């Protein structure tokens, strides 16, 4: 997921670094939905974090008696500027 990160231009200009914490639900088919930003960086980083999760591969959900169930997940997306 991190290799597909597109550093937001506004965040780059403001030299914003850190991690966005995103919470979401993974449905029974492995699709992420219902996004909530738990820790924000702003400057386009929150939106980029959600884009990465949405456009990434499907997630593996929890199972109960061999049936897939929806699951709540929290991930951190790290933003680090390249060193000069």
PDB file of N, CA and C in Angstrom:
ATOM      1  N   UNK A   1       0.822  -1.184   0.000  1.00  0.00           N
ATOM      2  CA  UNK A   1       0.000   0.000   0.000  1.00  0.00           C
ATOM      3  C   UNK A   1       0.876   1.263   0.000  1.00  0.00           C
ATOM      4  N   UNK A   2       1.919   1.257   0.806  1.00  0.00           N
ATOM      5  CA  UNK A   2       2.772   2.437   0.938  1.00  0.00           C
ATOM      6  C   UNK A   2       3.468   2.801  -0.377  1.00  0.00           C
ATOM      7  N   UNK A   3       3.743   1.805  -1.224  1.00  0.00           N
ATOM      8  CA  UNK A   3       4.426   2.094  -2.484  1.00  0.00           C
ATOM      9  C   UNK A   3       3.533   2.862  -3.458  1.00  0.00           C
ATOM     10  N   UNK A   4       2.211   2.844  -3.250  1.00  0.00           N
ATOM     11  CA  UNK A   4       1.277   3.568  -4.119  1.00  0.00           C
ATOM     12  C   UNK A   4       0.901   4.936  -3.561  1.00  0.00           C
ATOM     13  N   UNK A   5       1.540   5.346  -2.479  1.00  0.00           N
ATOM     14  CA  UNK A   5       1.245   6.627  -1.851  1.00  0.00           C
ATOM     15  C   UNK A   5       1.615   7.776  -2.770  1.00  0.00           C
ATOM     16  N   UNK A   6       0.684   8.710  -2.923  1.00  0.00           N
ATOM     17  CA  UNK A   6       0.941   9.948  -3.675  1.00  0.00           C
ATOM     18  C   UNK A   6       0.963  11.085  -2.660  1.00  0.00           C
ATOM     19  N   UNK A   7       2.149  11.574  -2.357  1.00  0.00           N
ATOM     20  CA  UNK A   7       2.280  12.617  -1.336  1.00  0.00           C
ATOM     21  C   UNK A   7       1.519  13.845  -1.809  1.00  0.00           C
ATOM     22  N   UNK A   8       0.544  14.316  -1.048  1.00  0.00           N
ATOM     23  CA  UNK A   8      -0.215  15.493  -1.466  1.00  0.00           C
ATOM     24  C   UNK A   8       0.694  16.718  -1.604  1.00  0.00           C
ATOM     25  N   UNK A   9       0.526  17.464  -2.663  1.00  0.00           N
ATOM     26  CA  UNK A   9       1.389  18.609  -2.942  1.00  0.00           C
ATOM     27  C   UNK A   9       1.346  19.639  -1.813  1.00  0.00           C
ATOM     28  N   UNK A  10       0.157  19.910  -1.285  1.00  0.00           N
ATOM     29  CA  UNK A  10       0.046  20.877  -0.201  1.00  0.00           C
ATOM     30  C   UNK A  10       0.820  20.410   1.034  1.00  0.00           C
ATOM     31  N   UNK A  11       0.754  19.127   1.344  1.00  0.00           N
ATOM     32  CA  UNK A  11       1.503  18.580   2.475  1.00  0.00           C
ATOM     33  C   UNK A  11       3.005  18.659   2.213  1.00  0.00           C
ATOM     34  N   UNK A  12       3.409  18.400   0.987  1.00  0.00           N
ATOM     35  CA  UNK A  12       4.829  18.492   0.621  1.00  0.00           C
ATOM     36  C   UNK A  12       5.322  19.928   0.797  1.00  0.00           C
ATOM     37  N   UNK A  13       4.549  20.898   0.311  1.00  0.00           N
ATOM     38  CA  UNK A  13       4.943  22.306   0.415  1.00  0.00           C
ATOM     39  C   UNK A  13       5.043  22.766   1.865  1.00  0.00           C
ATOM     40  N   UNK A  14       4.154  22.246   2.715  1.00  0.00           N
ATOM     41  CA  UNK A  14       4.154  22.622   4.135  1.00  0.00           C
ATOM     42  C   UNK A  14       5.085  21.734   4.971  1.00  0.00           C
ATOM     43  N   UNK A  15       5.753  20.786   4.308  1.00  0.00           N
ATOM     44  CA  UNK A  15       6.665  19.831   4.957  1.00  0.00           C
ATOM     45  C   UNK A  15       5.970  19.063   6.085  1.00  0.00           C
ATOM     46  N   UNK A  16       4.758  18.597   5.802  1.00  0.00           N
ATOM     47  CA  UNK A  16       3.962  17.838   6.761  1.00  0.00           C
ATOM     48  C   UNK A  16       4.400  16.378   6.745  1.00  0.00           C
ATOM     49  N   UNK A  17       4.699  15.842   7.904  1.00  0.00           N
ATOM     50  CA  UNK A  17       5.040  14.433   8.061  1.00  0.00           C
ATOM     51  C   UNK A  17       4.281  13.878   9.260  1.00  0.00           C
ATOM     52  N   UNK A  18       4.132  12.568   9.283  1.00  0.00           N
ATOM     53  CA  UNK A  18       3.458  11.917  10.396  1.00  0.00           C
ATOM     54  C   UNK A  18       2.601  10.774   9.893  1.00  0.00           C
ATOM     55  N   UNK A  19       1.617  10.395  10.688  1.00  0.00           N
ATOM     56  CA  UNK A  19       0.756   9.266  10.339  1.00  0.00           C
ATOM     57  C   UNK A  19      -0.707   9.664  10.466  1.00  0.00           C
ATOM     58  N   UNK A  20      -1.488   9.215   9.508  1.00  0.00           N
ATOM     59  CA  UNK A  20      -2.937   9.341   9.562  1.00  0.00           C
ATOM     60  C   UNK A  20      -3.474   8.005  10.065  1.00  0.00           C
ATOM     61  N   UNK A  21      -4.344   8.040  11.058  1.00  0.00           N
ATOM     62  CA  UNK A  21      -4.961   6.816  11.559  1.00  0.00           C
ATOM     63  C   UNK A  21      -6.385   6.764  11.020  1.00  0.00           C
ATOM     64  N   UNK A  22      -6.686   5.687  10.274  1.00  0.00           N
ATOM     65  CA  UNK A  22      -7.980   5.523   9.623  1.00  0.00           C
ATOM     66  C   UNK A  22      -8.665   4.269  10.161  1.00  0.00           C
ATOM     67  N   UNK A  23      -9.931   4.421  10.548  1.00  0.00           N
ATOM     68  CA  UNK A  23     -10.724   3.280  10.981  1.00  0.00           C
ATOM     69  C   UNK A  23     -11.800   3.043   9.923  1.00  0.00           C
ATOM     70  N   UNK A  24     -12.071   1.769   9.622  1.00  0.00           N
ATOM     71  CA  UNK A  24     -13.080   1.453   8.617  1.00  0.00           C
ATOM     72  C   UNK A  24     -13.613   0.049   8.856  1.00  0.00           C
ATOM     73  N   UNK A  25     -14.675  -0.265   8.156  1.00  0.00           N
ATOM     74  CA  UNK A  25     -15.299  -1.582   8.219  1.00  0.00           C
ATOM     75  C   UNK A  25     -14.904  -2.354   6.969  1.00  0.00           C
ATOM     76  N   UNK A  26     -14.555  -3.612   7.140  1.00  0.00           N
ATOM     77  CA  UNK A  26     -14.327  -4.510   6.004  1.00  0.00           C
ATOM     78  C   UNK A  26     -15.550  -5.408   5.934  1.00  0.00           C
ATOM     79  N   UNK A  27     -16.264  -5.347   4.785  1.00  0.00           N
ATOM     80  CA  UNK A  27     -17.479  -6.150   4.671  1.00  0.00           C
ATOM     81  C   UNK A  27     -17.142  -7.611   4.384  1.00  0.00           C
ATOM     82  N   UNK A  28     -18.148  -8.445   4.290  1.00  0.00           N
ATOM     83  CA  UNK A  28     -17.960  -9.889   4.119  1.00  0.00           C
ATOM     84  C   UNK A  28     -17.221 -10.236   2.838  1.00  0.00           C
ATOM     85  N   UNK A  29     -17.261  -9.346   1.836  1.00  0.00           N
ATOM     86  CA  UNK A  29     -16.547  -9.585   0.573  1.00  0.00           C
ATOM     87  C   UNK A  29     -15.125  -9.030   0.585  1.00  0.00           C
ATOM     88  N   UNK A  30     -14.729  -8.394   1.693  1.00  0.00           N
ATOM     89  CA  UNK A  30     -13.377  -7.855   1.809  1.00  0.00           C
ATOM     90  C   UNK A  30     -13.233  -6.418   1.340  1.00  0.00           C
ATOM     91  N   UNK A  31     -14.355  -5.731   1.122  1.00  0.00           N
ATOM     92  CA  UNK A  31     -14.323  -4.342   0.658  1.00  0.00           C
ATOM     93  C   UNK A  31     -14.333  -3.378   1.845  1.00  0.00           C
ATOM     94  N   UNK A  32     -13.457  -2.361   1.836  1.00  0.00           N
ATOM     95  CA  UNK A  32     -13.452  -1.375   2.912  1.00  0.00           C
ATOM     96  C   UNK A  32     -14.575  -0.349   2.724  1.00  0.00           C
ATOM     97  N   UNK A  33     -15.169   0.127   3.826  1.00  0.00           N
ATOM     98  CA  UNK A  33     -16.248   1.114   3.774  1.00  0.00           C
ATOM     99  C   UNK A  33     -16.332   1.842   5.110  1.00  0.00           C
ATOM    100  N   UNK A  34     -17.153   2.876   5.156  1.00  0.00           N
ATOM    101  CA  UNK A  34     -17.436   3.630   6.385  1.00  0.00           C
ATOM    102  C   UNK A  34     -16.152   4.118   7.060  1.00  0.00           C
ATOM    103  N   UNK A  35     -15.415   4.964   6.371  1.00  0.00           N
ATOM    104  CA  UNK A  35     -14.129   5.465   6.849  1.00  0.00           C
ATOM    105  C   UNK A  35     -14.305   6.562   7.894  1.00  0.00           C
ATOM    106  N   UNK A  36     -13.478   6.495   8.943  1.00  0.00           N
ATOM    107  CA  UNK A  36     -13.413   7.529   9.964  1.00  0.00           C
ATOM    108  C   UNK A  36     -11.945   7.849  10.212  1.00  0.00           C
ATOM    109  N   UNK A  37     -11.594   9.118  10.133  1.00  0.00           N
ATOM    110  CA  UNK A  37     -10.227   9.543  10.428  1.00  0.00           C
ATOM    111  C   UNK A  37     -10.114   9.698  11.943  1.00  0.00           C
ATOM    112  N   UNK A  38      -9.271   8.879  12.555  1.00  0.00           N
ATOM    113  CA  UNK A  38      -9.065   8.916  13.999  1.00  0.00           C
ATOM    114  C   UNK A  38      -7.933   9.871  14.387  1.00  0.00           C
ATOM    115  N   UNK A  39      -6.945  10.034  13.489  1.00  0.00           N
ATOM    116  CA  UNK A  39      -5.860  10.994  13.698  1.00  0.00           C
ATOM    117  C   UNK A  39      -5.569  11.621  12.346  1.00  0.00           C
ATOM    118  N   UNK A  40      -5.699  12.924  12.276  1.00  0.00           N
ATOM    119  CA  UNK A  40      -5.596  13.651  11.020  1.00  0.00           C
ATOM    120  C   UNK A  40      -4.260  14.386  10.898  1.00  0.00           C
ATOM    121  N   UNK A  41      -3.770  14.493   9.662  1.00  0.00           N
ATOM    122  CA  UNK A  41      -2.644  15.371   9.361  1.00  0.00           C
ATOM    123  C   UNK A  41      -3.103  16.580   8.548  1.00  0.00           C
ATOM    124  N   UNK A  42      -4.256  16.444   7.887  1.00  0.00           N
ATOM    125  CA  UNK A  42      -4.729  17.530   7.033  1.00  0.00           C
ATOM    126  C   UNK A  42      -3.888  17.636   5.767  1.00  0.00           C
ATOM    127  N   UNK A  43      -4.018  18.748   5.074  1.00  0.00           N
ATOM    128  CA  UNK A  43      -3.232  19.059   3.879  1.00  0.00           C
ATOM    129  C   UNK A  43      -3.352  17.979   2.792  1.00  0.00           C
ATOM    130  N   UNK A  44      -4.477  17.280   2.742  1.00  0.00           N
ATOM    131  CA  UNK A  44      -4.704  16.248   1.723  1.00  0.00           C
ATOM    132  C   UNK A  44      -4.263  14.857   2.133  1.00  0.00           C
ATOM    133  N   UNK A  45      -3.601  14.731   3.266  1.00  0.00           N
ATOM    134  CA  UNK A  45      -3.099  13.417   3.704  1.00  0.00           C
ATOM    135  C   UNK A  45      -4.236  12.474   4.106  1.00  0.00           C
ATOM    136  N   UNK A  46      -5.279  13.009   4.716  1.00  0.00           N
ATOM    137  CA  UNK A  46      -6.400  12.169   5.131  1.00  0.00           C
ATOM    138  C   UNK A  46      -7.078  11.547   3.904  1.00  0.00           C
ATOM    139  N   UNK A  47      -7.326  12.379   2.904  1.00  0.00           N
ATOM    140  CA  UNK A  47      -7.964  11.912   1.672  1.00  0.00           C
ATOM    141  C   UNK A  47      -7.090  10.908   0.936  1.00  0.00           C
ATOM    142  N   UNK A  48      -5.791  11.147   0.930  1.00  0.00           N
ATOM    143  CA  UNK A  48      -4.866  10.213   0.277  1.00  0.00           C
ATOM    144  C   UNK A  48      -4.849   8.870   0.995  1.00  0.00           C
ATOM    145  N   UNK A  49      -4.946   8.891   2.313  1.00  0.00           N
ATOM    146  CA  UNK A  49      -4.979   7.645   3.085  1.00  0.00           C
ATOM    147  C   UNK A  49      -6.207   6.812   2.719  1.00  0.00           C
ATOM    148  N   UNK A  50      -7.353   7.454   2.618  1.00  0.00           N
ATOM    149  CA  UNK A  50      -8.584   6.748   2.247  1.00  0.00           C
ATOM    150  C   UNK A  50      -8.482   6.224   0.817  1.00  0.00           C
ATOM    151  N   UNK A  51      -7.921   7.015  -0.098  1.00  0.00           N
ATOM    152  CA  UNK A  51      -7.748   6.564  -1.479  1.00  0.00           C
ATOM    153  C   UNK A  51      -6.888   5.310  -1.531  1.00  0.00           C
ATOM    154  N   UNK A  52      -5.789   5.295  -0.780  1.00  0.00           N
ATOM    155  CA  UNK A  52      -4.905   4.127  -0.758  1.00  0.00           C
ATOM    156  C   UNK A  52      -5.645   2.868  -0.313  1.00  0.00           C
ATOM    157  N   UNK A  53      -6.438   3.008   0.729  1.00  0.00           N
ATOM    158  CA  UNK A  53      -7.168   1.853   1.262  1.00  0.00           C
ATOM    159  C   UNK A  53      -8.222   1.386   0.265  1.00  0.00           C
ATOM    160  N   UNK A  54      -8.963   2.329  -0.316  1.00  0.00           N
ATOM    161  CA  UNK A  54     -10.019   1.978  -1.278  1.00  0.00           C
ATOM    162  C   UNK A  54      -9.464   1.305  -2.525  1.00  0.00           C
ATOM    163  N   UNK A  55      -8.349   1.807  -3.035  1.00  0.00           N
ATOM    164  CA  UNK A  55      -7.798   1.304  -4.289  1.00  0.00           C
ATOM    165  C   UNK A  55      -6.875   0.108  -4.110  1.00  0.00           C
ATOM    166  N   UNK A  56      -6.580  -0.247  -2.874  1.00  0.00           N
ATOM    167  CA  UNK A  56      -5.716  -1.392  -2.609  1.00  0.00           C
ATOM    168  C   UNK A  56      -6.461  -2.704  -2.802  1.00  0.00           C
ATOM    169  N   UNK A  57      -5.788  -3.789  -2.539  1.00  0.00           N
ATOM    170  CA  UNK A  57      -6.434  -5.102  -2.684  1.00  0.00           C
ATOM    171  C   UNK A  57      -7.518  -5.291  -1.633  1.00  0.00           C
ATOM    172  N   UNK A  58      -8.413  -6.237  -1.881  1.00  0.00           N
ATOM    173  CA  UNK A  58      -9.446  -6.553  -0.898  1.00  0.00           C
ATOM    174  C   UNK A  58      -8.792  -7.050   0.383  1.00  0.00           C
ATOM    175  N   UNK A  59      -9.471  -6.837   1.483  1.00  0.00           N
ATOM    176  CA  UNK A  59      -8.995  -7.246   2.789  1.00  0.00           C
ATOM    177  C   UNK A  59      -9.565  -8.606   3.122  1.00  0.00           C
ATOM    178  N   UNK A  60      -8.897  -9.325   3.976  1.00  0.00           N
ATOM    179  CA  UNK A  60      -9.395 -10.616   4.430  1.00  0.00           C
ATOM    180  C   UNK A  60     -10.194 -10.382   5.703  1.00  0.00           C
ATOM    181  N   UNK A  61     -11.417 -10.890   5.727  1.00  0.00           N
ATOM    182  CA  UNK A  61     -12.300 -10.652   6.864  1.00  0.00           C
ATOM    183  C   UNK A  61     -12.231 -11.782   7.872  1.00  0.00           C
ATOM    184  N   UNK A  62     -12.778 -11.524   9.028  1.00  0.00           N
ATOM    185  CA  UNK A  62     -12.859 -12.543  10.077  1.00  0.00           C
ATOM    186  C   UNK A  62     -13.863 -13.611   9.675  1.00  0.00           C
ATOM    187  N   UNK A  63     -13.682 -14.807  10.185  1.00  0.00           N
ATOM    188  CA  UNK A  63     -14.629 -15.882   9.912  1.00  0.00           C
ATOM    189  C   UNK A  63     -15.200 -16.416  11.213  1.00  0.00           C
ATOM    190  N   UNK A  64     -16.423 -16.873  11.120  1.00  0.00           N
ATOM    191  CA  UNK A  64     -17.094 -17.509  12.243  1.00  0.00           C
ATOM    192  C   UNK A  64     -17.860 -18.693  11.678  1.00  0.00           C
ATOM    193  N   UNK A  65     -17.472 -19.896  12.067  1.00  0.00           N
ATOM    194  CA  UNK A  65     -18.105 -21.105  11.527  1.00  0.00           C
ATOM    195  C   UNK A  65     -18.023 -21.148   9.999  1.00  0.00           C
ATOM    196  N   UNK A  66     -16.859 -20.775   9.471  1.00  0.00           N
ATOM    197  CA  UNK A  66     -16.573 -20.754   8.032  1.00  0.00           C
ATOM    198  C   UNK A  66     -17.354 -19.700   7.263  1.00  0.00           C
ATOM    199  N   UNK A  67     -18.078 -18.818   7.932  1.00  0.00           N
ATOM    200  CA  UNK A  67     -18.781 -17.714   7.282  1.00  0.00           C
ATOM    201  C   UNK A  67     -17.980 -16.439   7.481  1.00  0.00           C
ATOM    202  N   UNK A  68     -17.816 -15.668   6.412  1.00  0.00           N
ATOM    203  CA  UNK A  68     -17.112 -14.404   6.514  1.00  0.00           C
ATOM    204  C   UNK A  68     -18.019 -13.368   7.169  1.00  0.00           C
ATOM    205  N   UNK A  69     -17.435 -12.563   8.042  1.00  0.00           N
ATOM    206  CA  UNK A  69     -18.173 -11.521   8.739  1.00  0.00           C
ATOM    207  C   UNK A  69     -17.488 -10.190   8.522  1.00  0.00           C
ATOM    208  N   UNK A  70     -18.253  -9.113   8.659  1.00  0.00           N
ATOM    209  CA  UNK A  70     -17.633  -7.802   8.565  1.00  0.00           C
ATOM    210  C   UNK A  70     -16.754  -7.595   9.801  1.00  0.00           C
ATOM    211  N   UNK A  71     -15.772  -6.723   9.665  1.00  0.00           N
ATOM    212  CA  UNK A  71     -14.793  -6.522  10.720  1.00  0.00           C
ATOM    213  C   UNK A  71     -14.384  -5.056  10.748  1.00  0.00           C
ATOM    214  N   UNK A  72     -14.104  -4.520  11.923  1.00  0.00           N
ATOM    215  CA  UNK A  72     -13.613  -3.154  12.049  1.00  0.00           C
ATOM    216  C   UNK A  72     -12.091  -3.189  12.083  1.00  0.00           C
ATOM    217  N   UNK A  73     -11.474  -2.303  11.299  1.00  0.00           N
ATOM    218  CA  UNK A  73     -10.020  -2.281  11.149  1.00  0.00           C
ATOM    219  C   UNK A  73      -9.527  -0.851  11.358  1.00  0.00           C
ATOM    220  N   UNK A  74      -8.354  -0.712  11.968  1.00  0.00           N
ATOM    221  CA  UNK A  74      -7.685   0.580  12.076  1.00  0.00           C
ATOM    222  C   UNK A  74      -6.275   0.436  11.531  1.00  0.00           C
ATOM    223  N   UNK A  75      -5.892   1.340  10.627  1.00  0.00           N
ATOM    224  CA  UNK A  75      -4.537   1.320  10.064  1.00  0.00           C
ATOM    225  C   UNK A  75      -3.922   2.714  10.154  1.00  0.00           C
ATOM    226  N   UNK A  76      -2.595   2.737  10.162  1.00  0.00           N
ATOM    227  CA  UNK A  76      -1.846   3.992  10.095  1.00  0.00           C
ATOM    228  C   UNK A  76      -1.206   4.079   8.723  1.00  0.00           C
ATOM    229  N   UNK A  77      -1.336   5.234   8.105  1.00  0.00           N
ATOM    230  CA  UNK A  77      -0.659   5.509   6.836  1.00  0.00           C
ATOM    231  C   UNK A  77       0.373   6.581   7.141  1.00  0.00           C
ATOM    232  N   UNK A  78       1.641   6.237   6.933  1.00  0.00           N
ATOM    233  CA  UNK A  78       2.739   7.136   7.275  1.00  0.00           C
ATOM    234  C   UNK A  78       3.131   8.020   6.078  1.00  0.00           C
ATOM    235  N   UNK A  79       3.357   9.278   6.384  1.00  0.00           N
ATOM    236  CA  UNK A  79       3.813  10.244   5.393  1.00  0.00           C
ATOM    237  C   UNK A  79       5.174  10.755   5.848  1.00  0.00           C
ATOM    238  N   UNK A  80       6.184  10.477   5.043  1.00  0.00           N
ATOM    239  CA  UNK A  80       7.552  10.925   5.323  1.00  0.00           C
ATOM    240  C   UNK A  80       8.141  11.537   4.060  1.00  0.00           C
ATOM    241  N   UNK A  81       8.650  12.711   4.190  1.00  0.00           N
ATOM    242  CA  UNK A  81       9.300  13.362   3.058  1.00  0.00           C
ATOM    243  C   UNK A  81      10.676  12.746   2.843  1.00  0.00           C
ATOM    244  N   UNK A  82      11.106  12.661   1.586  1.00  0.00           N
ATOM    245  CA  UNK A  82      12.459  12.140   1.345  1.00  0.00           C
ATOM    246  C   UNK A  82      13.488  13.082   1.963  1.00  0.00           C
ATOM    247  N   UNK A  83      14.561  12.514   2.483  1.00  0.00           N
ATOM    248  CA  UNK A  83      15.622  13.330   3.072  1.00  0.00           C
ATOM    249  C   UNK A  83      16.370  14.035   1.971  1.00  0.00           C
ATOM    250  N   UNK A  84      16.822  15.216   2.315  1.00  0.00           N
ATOM    251  CA  UNK A  84      17.510  16.045   1.316  1.00  0.00           C
ATOM    252  C   UNK A  84      19.001  15.808   1.362  1.00  0.00           C
TER     253      UNK A  84
END
